[in-house]
Protein backbone atom coordinates (compact mmCIF):
# COMPACT_ATOMS: atom_id res chain seq x y z
CA MET A 1 31.00 -84.55 53.70
CA VAL A 2 34.00 -84.86 55.98
CA THR A 3 34.09 -82.30 58.78
CA THR A 4 37.57 -81.32 59.85
CA ARG A 5 38.47 -80.55 63.42
CA SER A 6 39.36 -76.97 62.53
CA SER A 7 35.86 -76.24 61.22
CA ARG A 8 33.90 -77.25 64.29
CA LEU A 9 33.89 -77.28 68.07
CA PRO A 10 32.52 -80.75 68.91
CA PHE A 11 33.02 -80.32 72.62
CA ILE A 12 30.61 -77.37 73.00
CA SER A 13 26.89 -77.57 72.41
CA PHE A 14 25.04 -75.00 70.32
CA SER A 15 23.54 -73.34 73.40
CA GLU A 16 27.00 -73.05 74.98
CA LYS A 17 28.40 -71.55 71.76
CA LYS A 18 25.60 -69.01 71.76
CA ASN A 19 26.39 -67.91 75.30
CA ILE A 20 30.18 -68.07 75.24
CA GLU A 21 30.34 -64.31 74.64
CA TYR A 22 28.02 -63.81 77.60
CA PHE A 23 29.78 -66.13 79.98
CA PHE A 24 28.70 -64.01 82.94
CA LEU A 25 25.25 -65.57 82.46
CA PHE A 26 26.79 -68.96 83.31
CA SER A 27 26.71 -70.36 86.79
CA LEU A 28 30.07 -71.44 88.24
CA GLU A 29 29.15 -75.06 87.49
CA GLN A 30 28.39 -74.27 83.84
CA VAL A 31 31.69 -72.44 83.41
CA PHE A 32 33.55 -75.39 84.89
CA SER A 33 31.64 -77.77 82.62
CA VAL A 34 32.54 -75.81 79.46
CA LEU A 35 36.20 -75.54 80.50
CA SER A 36 36.35 -79.28 81.21
CA LYS A 37 35.01 -80.01 77.72
CA ILE A 38 37.58 -77.72 76.13
CA GLN A 39 40.34 -79.30 78.21
CA LYS A 40 39.22 -82.81 77.20
CA SER A 41 39.25 -81.89 73.50
CA ALA A 42 42.72 -80.32 73.82
CA SER A 43 44.19 -83.15 75.91
CA PHE A 44 45.85 -84.89 72.94
CA GLU A 45 46.84 -81.86 70.88
CA PRO A 46 46.16 -78.10 70.96
CA LEU A 47 43.01 -76.84 69.31
CA PRO A 48 43.36 -75.34 65.82
CA SER A 49 44.01 -71.62 65.86
CA PRO A 50 40.47 -70.64 64.73
CA SER A 51 38.90 -72.81 67.45
CA PHE A 52 41.17 -71.42 70.13
CA PHE A 53 40.47 -67.87 68.95
CA TYR A 54 36.76 -68.60 69.43
CA CYS A 55 37.32 -69.83 73.00
CA TYR A 56 39.93 -67.26 74.03
CA LYS A 57 37.50 -64.62 75.29
CA LEU A 58 35.96 -67.09 77.71
CA LEU A 59 39.38 -68.18 79.01
CA GLN A 60 40.45 -64.57 79.45
CA GLU A 61 37.34 -63.62 81.40
CA VAL A 62 37.58 -66.68 83.64
CA VAL A 63 41.18 -66.05 84.74
CA LEU A 64 40.46 -62.37 85.44
CA ASP A 65 37.14 -62.91 87.22
CA SER A 66 37.76 -63.20 90.96
CA THR A 67 34.33 -64.79 91.50
CA GLN A 68 35.36 -67.90 89.56
CA THR A 69 36.59 -70.94 91.45
CA GLU A 70 40.34 -71.51 91.65
CA GLU A 71 39.87 -74.85 89.88
CA SER A 72 38.19 -73.20 86.89
CA GLN A 73 40.85 -70.50 86.75
CA GLU A 74 43.63 -73.09 86.86
CA ILE A 75 42.08 -75.06 83.99
CA ALA A 76 41.79 -71.83 81.97
CA CYS A 77 45.44 -71.01 82.70
CA GLN A 78 46.54 -74.50 81.65
CA LEU A 79 44.61 -74.19 78.38
CA LEU A 80 46.19 -70.83 77.68
CA GLN A 81 49.67 -72.19 78.31
CA THR A 82 49.03 -75.23 76.10
CA HIS A 83 48.06 -73.05 73.18
CA CYS A 84 50.99 -70.65 73.45
CA ALA A 85 52.74 -73.06 71.06
CA LEU A 86 50.44 -71.70 68.32
CA GLY A 87 52.02 -68.27 68.66
CA ASP A 88 53.40 -68.28 65.14
CA SER A 89 49.83 -68.08 63.82
CA LEU A 90 48.46 -64.61 63.16
CA LEU A 91 44.98 -65.96 63.89
CA LEU A 92 45.82 -65.93 67.58
CA PRO A 93 45.00 -62.76 69.55
CA ARG A 94 48.68 -62.51 70.44
CA LEU A 95 48.72 -58.91 71.65
CA GLU A 96 45.74 -59.53 73.93
CA MET A 97 47.41 -62.68 75.24
CA ILE A 98 50.62 -60.81 76.04
CA LYS A 99 48.67 -58.16 77.94
CA LEU A 100 46.74 -60.87 79.78
CA PHE A 101 49.89 -62.71 80.86
CA ILE A 102 51.39 -59.45 82.09
CA ASN A 103 48.24 -58.85 84.15
CA LEU A 104 48.45 -62.37 85.61
CA ILE A 105 52.00 -61.69 86.81
CA ILE A 106 50.90 -58.43 88.42
CA LEU A 107 47.84 -59.99 90.06
CA GLY A 108 50.00 -62.44 92.00
CA GLY A 109 48.98 -65.73 93.60
CA PHE A 110 49.11 -69.00 91.70
CA LYS A 111 48.53 -67.08 88.45
CA VAL A 112 52.07 -65.67 88.54
CA ARG A 113 53.57 -69.03 87.62
CA PHE A 114 51.25 -69.39 84.65
CA GLY A 115 51.72 -65.78 83.59
CA GLN A 116 55.49 -66.11 83.54
CA GLY A 117 55.48 -69.45 81.74
CA CYS A 118 52.88 -68.35 79.19
CA LEU A 119 54.67 -65.10 78.37
CA VAL A 120 57.97 -66.89 77.75
CA ASP A 121 56.35 -69.77 75.81
CA LEU A 122 54.34 -67.41 73.62
CA SER A 123 57.37 -65.25 72.84
CA ARG A 124 59.32 -68.37 71.90
CA ALA A 125 56.58 -69.39 69.47
CA ILE A 126 56.25 -65.88 68.03
CA ASP A 127 60.00 -65.69 67.37
CA GLU A 128 60.70 -63.47 64.34
CA SER A 129 57.05 -62.75 63.52
CA ALA A 130 56.63 -60.32 66.45
CA THR A 131 54.94 -57.05 65.56
CA THR A 132 56.10 -53.64 66.80
CA GLU A 133 53.07 -53.32 69.10
CA GLU A 134 53.72 -56.72 70.64
CA LEU A 135 57.39 -55.90 71.20
CA MET A 136 56.59 -52.51 72.74
CA THR A 137 54.10 -54.10 75.12
CA ILE A 138 56.81 -56.46 76.41
CA LEU A 139 59.41 -53.69 76.49
CA ASN A 140 57.12 -51.46 78.54
CA GLY A 141 57.02 -54.24 81.12
CA LEU A 142 60.66 -53.41 81.89
CA LEU A 143 59.46 -50.10 83.35
CA SER A 144 57.19 -51.84 85.86
CA SER A 145 57.83 -51.76 89.59
CA ASN A 146 57.04 -55.50 89.69
CA THR A 147 60.33 -57.44 89.81
CA LEU A 148 58.85 -60.70 88.51
CA LEU A 149 57.34 -58.88 85.55
CA ARG A 150 60.66 -57.26 84.64
CA MET A 151 62.36 -60.66 84.83
CA SER A 152 59.69 -62.34 82.70
CA CYS A 153 59.80 -59.59 80.06
CA LEU A 154 63.58 -59.91 79.76
CA GLN A 155 63.24 -63.67 79.33
CA ALA A 156 60.54 -63.13 76.70
CA LEU A 157 62.67 -60.59 74.83
CA SER A 158 65.47 -63.11 74.52
CA ASN A 159 63.14 -65.24 72.34
CA VAL A 160 61.94 -62.60 69.88
CA ALA A 161 63.62 -60.54 67.20
CA CYS A 162 63.20 -56.77 67.36
CA ASP A 163 62.31 -54.83 64.26
CA GLU A 164 63.59 -51.40 63.23
CA ASN A 165 60.64 -49.61 64.82
CA SER A 166 61.38 -51.01 68.27
CA ALA A 167 65.19 -51.06 68.10
CA ILE A 168 65.68 -47.80 69.99
CA ALA A 169 63.18 -48.74 72.69
CA PHE A 170 64.85 -52.14 73.03
CA ALA A 171 68.34 -50.70 73.40
CA THR A 172 67.38 -47.96 75.89
CA ARG A 173 65.14 -50.09 78.10
CA VAL A 174 67.51 -53.05 78.25
CA TRP A 175 70.47 -50.72 78.89
CA ILE A 176 68.69 -49.19 81.87
CA SER A 177 67.69 -52.66 83.10
CA ARG A 178 71.38 -53.55 83.32
CA PHE A 179 71.53 -51.24 86.37
CA ASP A 180 68.40 -52.63 88.03
CA ASP A 181 68.44 -52.81 91.83
CA GLU A 182 67.53 -56.50 91.69
CA GLU A 183 70.58 -58.59 90.85
CA LEU A 184 68.58 -61.25 88.97
CA VAL A 185 67.00 -58.63 86.72
CA SER A 186 70.35 -56.92 86.20
CA ASN A 187 72.06 -60.20 85.25
CA LEU A 188 69.31 -61.11 82.79
CA ALA A 189 69.55 -57.69 81.17
CA LYS A 190 73.34 -57.97 80.86
CA GLU A 191 73.02 -61.42 79.27
CA LEU A 192 70.42 -60.15 76.80
CA TRP A 193 72.56 -57.11 76.05
CA ASP A 194 75.56 -59.30 75.23
CA GLU A 195 73.54 -61.89 73.27
CA THR A 196 72.05 -59.24 70.99
CA ASP A 197 75.37 -57.38 70.70
CA SER A 198 73.53 -54.15 71.49
CA SER A 199 75.14 -50.75 71.82
CA ILE A 200 74.10 -47.14 72.28
CA GLY A 201 75.65 -43.92 71.09
CA PRO A 202 75.16 -40.17 71.54
CA GLY A 203 72.03 -40.33 69.40
CA TYR A 204 70.28 -42.33 72.11
CA ALA A 205 70.70 -39.57 74.72
CA PRO A 206 67.24 -37.95 74.22
CA TYR A 207 65.52 -41.31 74.61
CA LEU A 208 67.52 -42.17 77.74
CA ILE A 209 66.77 -38.76 79.23
CA GLU A 210 63.07 -39.30 78.54
CA LEU A 211 63.14 -42.65 80.34
CA LEU A 212 65.13 -41.27 83.27
CA SER A 213 62.67 -38.39 83.50
CA PHE A 214 59.88 -40.94 83.75
CA PHE A 215 61.61 -42.64 86.69
CA LEU A 216 62.31 -39.32 88.39
CA PHE A 217 58.72 -38.18 87.93
CA SER A 218 57.47 -41.47 89.40
CA PHE A 219 59.83 -41.09 92.35
CA PHE A 220 58.82 -37.50 93.14
CA PHE A 221 55.16 -38.32 92.65
CA PHE A 222 55.56 -41.09 95.23
CA LEU A 223 57.22 -38.66 97.67
CA PHE A 224 54.50 -36.08 97.11
CA SER A 225 51.77 -38.67 97.68
CA PHE A 226 53.50 -39.93 100.81
CA PHE A 227 53.89 -36.51 102.42
CA PHE A 228 50.40 -35.45 101.35
CA PHE A 229 49.04 -38.54 103.10
CA LEU A 230 51.02 -37.73 106.25
CA PHE A 231 49.83 -34.13 106.25
CA SER A 232 46.20 -35.17 105.71
CA PHE A 233 46.50 -37.76 108.47
CA PHE A 234 47.94 -35.22 110.92
CA PHE A 235 45.42 -32.55 109.88
CA PHE A 236 42.45 -34.86 110.41
CA PHE A 237 43.50 -36.09 113.84
CA PHE A 238 44.49 -32.59 114.99
CA PHE A 239 40.98 -31.24 114.39
CA PHE A 240 39.42 -34.46 115.63
CA PHE A 241 41.13 -34.20 119.03
CA LEU A 242 40.48 -30.46 119.09
CA PHE A 243 36.79 -31.16 118.62
CA LEU A 244 36.80 -33.81 121.36
CA PHE A 245 38.61 -31.43 123.72
CA GLY A 246 36.06 -28.69 123.05
CA PHE A 247 33.17 -31.15 123.43
CA PHE A 248 34.24 -32.38 126.87
CA PHE A 249 35.30 -28.98 128.22
CA LYS A 250 32.41 -27.08 126.60
CA LYS A 251 34.73 -24.81 124.68
CA ASN A 252 34.85 -24.18 120.97
CA TYR A 253 38.38 -23.77 119.64
CA LEU A 254 37.49 -24.13 116.00
CA PHE A 255 36.69 -20.40 115.70
CA LEU A 256 40.46 -19.75 115.93
CA PHE A 257 40.85 -21.26 112.47
CA LEU A 258 37.87 -19.60 110.82
């Protein structure tokens, strides 16, 4: 019987397959060994979608686990980016991958480069097969305070086709992004707006008001948190110095506040 590449994982032993869902039991050396075998098998062409789906959980955990070595995390990121080309397959955990790439951009460090590239490459492969949930996940990235994430999401949106369920969210979020404080983000949003020939009318007002309310709430919440921190800081040091003063001069001033 001929065994096809899609029906097996020749680069992982049975014991490694058994433990791939419990990768935290691996030592750092074992994780690196498994990743190296996967990388070697995928060096000529990407793994078949079912095989990659089987390995995805391990790759995801490695890139998010801060205890892993940078070398292992970089190999995992490279494997993820290589297999973004399979994005047109529904066998891929595409929604999970989008969320992972967004997290990589937010985490910062060397992972930002991979997160940005992977998000754009995956969206290009997904093209017209994007689901509403996948589109909304990318669109919600436009509301982030992270500039690089907003830029990456706009680039990703230029590669996918919106469906009817996400059309309103697309129009309102991209329209607001056209007035972003960052010029690069604003320019990308304007280009996307013109490319898609988007427009908004009076019917979009409730959705725009809802988004603007979100920004205003975030702004006032930040102000409240800032002033609350200042008040708490002042309050703590006031009583701290009052206590020290009373301790050295043998007087108790705290009774004034009781």
